[in-house]
Amino acid sequence: MDVVVYSKLHCLECNLVKRFLKDHEIPFEVRDCSTHPEYLEQVQEMGFLGVPVTVVGGQPIQGLQPAKILQLLGKEEG
């Protein structure tokens, strides 16, 4: 399942999302809104004003929501 993280440089919450994904060995693509304004436009088209936004299998998740990410991936922690 595709996982995409929309983030910005020096964004603490963005870095936490990426660390969480790395720690759980979940492959993901980073879309840096700092260097690519079109990515920020994509975030706004999804209905969000800022980052991080993690898209899991087409489902956008705003902020740091590890449980929801795992749920969408079918890897719920128990």
C-alpha atoms as a PDB file:
ATOM      1  CA  MET A   1       0.000   0.000   0.000  1.00  0.00           C
ATOM      2  CA  ASP A   2       1.345   3.425  -0.930  1.00  0.00           C
ATOM      3  CA  VAL A   3       2.224   5.813   1.905  1.00  0.00           C
ATOM      4  CA  VAL A   4       3.038   9.459   1.149  1.00  0.00           C
ATOM      5  CA  VAL A   5       4.074  12.069   3.727  1.00  0.00           C
ATOM      6  CA  TYR A   6       3.617  15.717   2.828  1.00  0.00           C
ATOM      7  CA  SER A   7       6.044  17.672   4.987  1.00  0.00           C
ATOM      8  CA  LYS A   8       8.183  20.788   5.303  1.00  0.00           C
ATOM      9  CA  LEU A   9      11.757  21.300   6.366  1.00  0.00           C
ATOM     10  CA  HIS A  10      12.166  21.884  10.122  1.00  0.00           C
ATOM     11  CA  CYS A  11       8.619  20.662  10.881  1.00  0.00           C
ATOM     12  CA  LEU A  12       8.821  18.790  14.194  1.00  0.00           C
ATOM     13  CA  GLU A  13       5.538  16.930  13.766  1.00  0.00           C
ATOM     14  CA  CYS A  14       6.517  15.966  10.190  1.00  0.00           C
ATOM     15  CA  ASN A  15       9.786  14.525  11.473  1.00  0.00           C
ATOM     16  CA  LEU A  16       7.914  12.535  14.123  1.00  0.00           C
ATOM     17  CA  VAL A  17       5.628  11.014  11.485  1.00  0.00           C
ATOM     18  CA  LYS A  18       8.621  10.030   9.338  1.00  0.00           C
ATOM     19  CA  ARG A  19      10.455   8.569  12.352  1.00  0.00           C
ATOM     20  CA  PHE A  20       7.359   6.581  13.315  1.00  0.00           C
ATOM     21  CA  LEU A  21       7.125   5.112   9.796  1.00  0.00           C
ATOM     22  CA  LYS A  22      10.846   4.261   9.763  1.00  0.00           C
ATOM     23  CA  ASP A  23      10.631   2.649  13.218  1.00  0.00           C
ATOM     24  CA  HIS A  24       7.774   0.449  11.975  1.00  0.00           C
ATOM     25  CA  GLU A  25       9.637  -0.352   8.736  1.00  0.00           C
ATOM     26  CA  ILE A  26       6.847   1.149   6.636  1.00  0.00           C
ATOM     27  CA  PRO A  27       8.141   2.373   3.263  1.00  0.00           C
ATOM     28  CA  PHE A  28       6.980   5.865   2.347  1.00  0.00           C
ATOM     29  CA  GLU A  29       7.512   8.705  -0.092  1.00  0.00           C
ATOM     30  CA  VAL A  30       8.251  12.209   1.195  1.00  0.00           C
ATOM     31  CA  ARG A  31       6.784  15.174  -0.654  1.00  0.00           C
ATOM     32  CA  ASP A  32       8.570  18.296   0.566  1.00  0.00           C
ATOM     33  CA  CYS A  33       6.215  21.272   0.398  1.00  0.00           C
ATOM     34  CA  SER A  34       9.135  23.624   1.155  1.00  0.00           C
ATOM     35  CA  THR A  35      10.785  23.001  -2.201  1.00  0.00           C
ATOM     36  CA  HIS A  36       7.732  22.013  -4.259  1.00  0.00           C
ATOM     37  CA  PRO A  37       4.794  24.444  -3.875  1.00  0.00           C
ATOM     38  CA  GLU A  38       2.615  22.135  -5.993  1.00  0.00           C
ATOM     39  CA  TYR A  39       2.694  19.634  -3.109  1.00  0.00           C
ATOM     40  CA  LEU A  40       1.262  22.269  -0.755  1.00  0.00           C
ATOM     41  CA  GLU A  41      -1.493  22.836  -3.334  1.00  0.00           C
ATOM     42  CA  GLN A  42      -2.242  19.097  -3.214  1.00  0.00           C
ATOM     43  CA  VAL A  43      -2.511  19.302   0.596  1.00  0.00           C
ATOM     44  CA  GLN A  44      -4.959  22.209   0.258  1.00  0.00           C
ATOM     45  CA  GLU A  45      -6.992  20.308  -2.342  1.00  0.00           C
ATOM     46  CA  MET A  46      -7.388  17.527   0.246  1.00  0.00           C
ATOM     47  CA  GLY A  47      -8.936  20.134   2.572  1.00  0.00           C
ATOM     48  CA  PHE A  48      -5.968  20.779   4.877  1.00  0.00           C
ATOM     49  CA  LEU A  49      -4.125  24.019   5.571  1.00  0.00           C
ATOM     50  CA  GLY A  50      -0.793  22.614   6.671  1.00  0.00           C
ATOM     51  CA  VAL A  51       1.472  19.641   7.114  1.00  0.00           C
ATOM     52  CA  PRO A  52       2.090  16.910   8.031  1.00  0.00           C
ATOM     53  CA  VAL A  53      -0.465  15.050   5.979  1.00  0.00           C
ATOM     54  CA  THR A  54       0.097  11.337   5.539  1.00  0.00           C
ATOM     55  CA  VAL A  55      -1.780   9.604   2.740  1.00  0.00           C
ATOM     56  CA  VAL A  56      -2.237   5.853   3.209  1.00  0.00           C
ATOM     57  CA  GLY A  57      -3.780   4.067   0.253  1.00  0.00           C
ATOM     58  CA  GLY A  58      -5.476   7.289  -0.861  1.00  0.00           C
ATOM     59  CA  GLN A  59      -6.801   8.135   2.635  1.00  0.00           C
ATOM     60  CA  PRO A  60      -5.370  11.428   4.010  1.00  0.00           C
ATOM     61  CA  ILE A  61      -4.526  11.746   7.712  1.00  0.00           C
ATOM     62  CA  GLN A  62      -3.627  15.131   9.204  1.00  0.00           C
ATOM     63  CA  GLY A  63      -1.034  15.458  11.928  1.00  0.00           C
ATOM     64  CA  LEU A  64       0.588  12.729  13.972  1.00  0.00           C
ATOM     65  CA  GLN A  65      -1.899   9.859  14.238  1.00  0.00           C
ATOM     66  CA  PRO A  66       0.139   6.638  14.511  1.00  0.00           C
ATOM     67  CA  ALA A  67      -2.823   4.427  15.461  1.00  0.00           C
ATOM     68  CA  LYS A  68      -4.819   5.555  12.421  1.00  0.00           C
ATOM     69  CA  ILE A  69      -1.827   4.979  10.109  1.00  0.00           C
ATOM     70  CA  LEU A  70      -1.399   1.442  11.450  1.00  0.00           C
ATOM     71  CA  GLN A  71      -5.151   0.803  11.228  1.00  0.00           C
ATOM     72  CA  LEU A  72      -5.238   1.796   7.542  1.00  0.00           C
ATOM     73  CA  LEU A  73      -2.237  -0.440   6.891  1.00  0.00           C
ATOM     74  CA  GLY A  74      -3.881  -3.344   8.714  1.00  0.00           C
ATOM     75  CA  LYS A  75      -1.081  -3.378  11.312  1.00  0.00           C
ATOM     76  CA  GLU A  76      -2.911  -2.323  14.447  1.00  0.00           C
ATOM     77  CA  GLU A  77      -0.863  -2.564  17.606  1.00  0.00           C
ATOM     78  CA  GLY A  78      -2.454  -4.407  20.453  1.00  0.00           C
END
